[in-house]
Amino acid sequence: MFVFANLLTAIAQILHIGLFVYMWVIIIRAVISWVNPDPYNPIVQFLYRSTEPVLQPVRRALPVAWGIDFSPLVVILAIMFLDQFFVASLRELAWRLR
């Protein structure tokens, strides 16, 4: 059973790192959007292509208040929730299986 526990621990760690990196990608995209970036820059294109599929549905659901886009904040809060709930649950399950 310890092999399955180690597998769950590894999956939880990979998910934690992935969520952490994606959160920073969203933060960087939000900060870059304040300075009117060059849309032909490959880094800017990567940031937009990697975050737009997640931000667009949230943007449609939330109204824009005072010209401020709150969709990055909502997605970051959702990522934090997933990390604190789902990843922590996987780690706890792995710990109990040992």
C-alpha atoms as a PDB file:
ATOM      1  CA  MET A   1       0.000   0.000   0.000  1.00  0.00           C
ATOM      2  CA  PHE A   2       2.976   2.315   0.499  1.00  0.00           C
ATOM      3  CA  VAL A   3       3.551   2.322  -3.286  1.00  0.00           C
ATOM      4  CA  PHE A   4       0.086   3.785  -3.878  1.00  0.00           C
ATOM      5  CA  ALA A   5       0.704   6.303  -1.092  1.00  0.00           C
ATOM      6  CA  ASN A   6       3.953   7.364  -2.758  1.00  0.00           C
ATOM      7  CA  LEU A   7       2.127   7.686  -6.080  1.00  0.00           C
ATOM      8  CA  LEU A   8      -0.512   9.921  -4.519  1.00  0.00           C
ATOM      9  CA  THR A   9       2.184  12.020  -2.857  1.00  0.00           C
ATOM     10  CA  ALA A  10       3.975  12.461  -6.179  1.00  0.00           C
ATOM     11  CA  ILE A  11       0.742  13.395  -7.976  1.00  0.00           C
ATOM     12  CA  ALA A  12      -0.102  15.908  -5.240  1.00  0.00           C
ATOM     13  CA  GLN A  13       3.356  17.481  -5.503  1.00  0.00           C
ATOM     14  CA  ILE A  14       3.164  17.746  -9.302  1.00  0.00           C
ATOM     15  CA  LEU A  15      -0.307  19.304  -9.082  1.00  0.00           C
ATOM     16  CA  HIS A  16       0.915  21.756  -6.450  1.00  0.00           C
ATOM     17  CA  ILE A  17       3.839  22.858  -8.623  1.00  0.00           C
ATOM     18  CA  GLY A  18       1.647  23.063 -11.733  1.00  0.00           C
ATOM     19  CA  LEU A  19      -0.970  25.185  -9.995  1.00  0.00           C
ATOM     20  CA  PHE A  20       1.733  27.426  -8.528  1.00  0.00           C
ATOM     21  CA  VAL A  21       3.364  27.989 -11.930  1.00  0.00           C
ATOM     22  CA  TYR A  22       0.011  28.629 -13.631  1.00  0.00           C
ATOM     23  CA  MET A  23      -0.906  31.138 -10.931  1.00  0.00           C
ATOM     24  CA  TRP A  24       2.297  33.051 -11.675  1.00  0.00           C
ATOM     25  CA  VAL A  25       1.610  32.913 -15.419  1.00  0.00           C
ATOM     26  CA  ILE A  26      -1.763  34.557 -14.768  1.00  0.00           C
ATOM     27  CA  ILE A  27      -0.170  37.187 -12.517  1.00  0.00           C
ATOM     28  CA  ILE A  28       2.480  37.986 -15.131  1.00  0.00           C
ATOM     29  CA  ARG A  29      -0.169  38.237 -17.824  1.00  0.00           C
ATOM     30  CA  ALA A  30      -2.217  40.637 -15.697  1.00  0.00           C
ATOM     31  CA  VAL A  31       0.811  42.833 -14.988  1.00  0.00           C
ATOM     32  CA  ILE A  32       1.892  42.848 -18.642  1.00  0.00           C
ATOM     33  CA  SER A  33      -1.608  43.876 -19.720  1.00  0.00           C
ATOM     34  CA  TRP A  34      -1.168  47.156 -17.811  1.00  0.00           C
ATOM     35  CA  VAL A  35       1.657  48.336 -20.091  1.00  0.00           C
ATOM     36  CA  ASN A  36       0.148  47.653 -23.550  1.00  0.00           C
ATOM     37  CA  PRO A  37       2.559  44.923 -24.716  1.00  0.00           C
ATOM     38  CA  ASP A  38       3.547  44.155 -28.286  1.00  0.00           C
ATOM     39  CA  PRO A  39       1.008  41.517 -29.436  1.00  0.00           C
ATOM     40  CA  TYR A  40       3.581  39.966 -31.796  1.00  0.00           C
ATOM     41  CA  ASN A  41       6.068  39.219 -29.028  1.00  0.00           C
ATOM     42  CA  PRO A  42       6.288  35.423 -28.595  1.00  0.00           C
ATOM     43  CA  ILE A  43       6.238  35.668 -24.797  1.00  0.00           C
ATOM     44  CA  VAL A  44       3.103  37.799 -24.854  1.00  0.00           C
ATOM     45  CA  GLN A  45       1.489  35.401 -27.326  1.00  0.00           C
ATOM     46  CA  PHE A  46       2.339  32.446 -25.076  1.00  0.00           C
ATOM     47  CA  LEU A  47       0.883  34.210 -22.033  1.00  0.00           C
ATOM     48  CA  TYR A  48      -2.331  35.044 -23.861  1.00  0.00           C
ATOM     49  CA  ARG A  49      -2.732  31.576 -25.420  1.00  0.00           C
ATOM     50  CA  SER A  50      -2.081  29.779 -22.146  1.00  0.00           C
ATOM     51  CA  THR A  51      -4.392  31.875 -19.979  1.00  0.00           C
ATOM     52  CA  GLU A  52      -7.219  32.941 -22.274  1.00  0.00           C
ATOM     53  CA  PRO A  53      -9.078  29.569 -22.241  1.00  0.00           C
ATOM     54  CA  VAL A  54      -9.399  29.865 -18.450  1.00  0.00           C
ATOM     55  CA  LEU A  55      -9.953  33.611 -18.177  1.00  0.00           C
ATOM     56  CA  GLN A  56     -12.526  33.966 -20.985  1.00  0.00           C
ATOM     57  CA  PRO A  57     -15.388  31.995 -19.338  1.00  0.00           C
ATOM     58  CA  VAL A  58     -14.822  33.854 -16.066  1.00  0.00           C
ATOM     59  CA  ARG A  59     -14.743  37.148 -17.934  1.00  0.00           C
ATOM     60  CA  ARG A  60     -18.084  36.327 -19.569  1.00  0.00           C
ATOM     61  CA  ALA A  61     -19.644  35.480 -16.199  1.00  0.00           C
ATOM     62  CA  LEU A  62     -18.362  38.563 -14.368  1.00  0.00           C
ATOM     63  CA  PRO A  63     -19.332  42.082 -15.310  1.00  0.00           C
ATOM     64  CA  VAL A  64     -16.511  44.569 -15.818  1.00  0.00           C
ATOM     65  CA  ALA A  65     -16.760  47.083 -12.978  1.00  0.00           C
ATOM     66  CA  TRP A  66     -15.209  50.524 -13.464  1.00  0.00           C
ATOM     67  CA  GLY A  67     -13.144  49.191 -16.353  1.00  0.00           C
ATOM     68  CA  ILE A  68     -11.324  46.663 -14.163  1.00  0.00           C
ATOM     69  CA  ASP A  69     -11.102  43.019 -15.204  1.00  0.00           C
ATOM     70  CA  PHE A  70     -11.473  40.868 -12.088  1.00  0.00           C
ATOM     71  CA  SER A  71     -11.175  37.533 -13.925  1.00  0.00           C
ATOM     72  CA  PRO A  72      -7.472  37.004 -13.036  1.00  0.00           C
ATOM     73  CA  LEU A  73      -8.290  37.518  -9.372  1.00  0.00           C
ATOM     74  CA  VAL A  74     -11.153  35.021  -9.499  1.00  0.00           C
ATOM     75  CA  VAL A  75      -9.006  32.429 -11.289  1.00  0.00           C
ATOM     76  CA  ILE A  76      -6.153  32.912  -8.797  1.00  0.00           C
ATOM     77  CA  LEU A  77      -8.597  32.395  -5.922  1.00  0.00           C
ATOM     78  CA  ALA A  78      -9.877  29.231  -7.629  1.00  0.00           C
ATOM     79  CA  ILE A  79      -6.304  27.974  -8.026  1.00  0.00           C
ATOM     80  CA  MET A  80      -5.614  28.655  -4.355  1.00  0.00           C
ATOM     81  CA  PHE A  81      -8.797  26.799  -3.409  1.00  0.00           C
ATOM     82  CA  LEU A  82      -7.804  23.794  -5.536  1.00  0.00           C
ATOM     83  CA  ASP A  83      -4.366  23.777  -3.965  1.00  0.00           C
ATOM     84  CA  GLN A  84      -5.666  24.026  -0.411  1.00  0.00           C
ATOM     85  CA  PHE A  85      -8.533  21.565  -0.878  1.00  0.00           C
ATOM     86  CA  PHE A  86      -7.723  19.018  -3.575  1.00  0.00           C
ATOM     87  CA  VAL A  87      -3.944  18.812  -3.272  1.00  0.00           C
ATOM     88  CA  ALA A  88      -4.093  18.846   0.514  1.00  0.00           C
ATOM     89  CA  SER A  89      -6.715  16.074   0.394  1.00  0.00           C
ATOM     90  CA  LEU A  90      -4.456  13.963  -1.819  1.00  0.00           C
ATOM     91  CA  ARG A  91      -1.557  14.467   0.581  1.00  0.00           C
ATOM     92  CA  GLU A  92      -3.722  13.553   3.572  1.00  0.00           C
ATOM     93  CA  LEU A  93      -4.991  10.440   1.818  1.00  0.00           C
ATOM     94  CA  ALA A  94      -1.429   9.418   0.983  1.00  0.00           C
ATOM     95  CA  TRP A  95      -0.353   9.979   4.567  1.00  0.00           C
ATOM     96  CA  ARG A  96      -3.208   7.821   5.888  1.00  0.00           C
ATOM     97  CA  LEU A  97      -2.364   4.985   3.473  1.00  0.00           C
ATOM     98  CA  ARG A  98       1.182   4.624   4.837  1.00  0.00           C
END
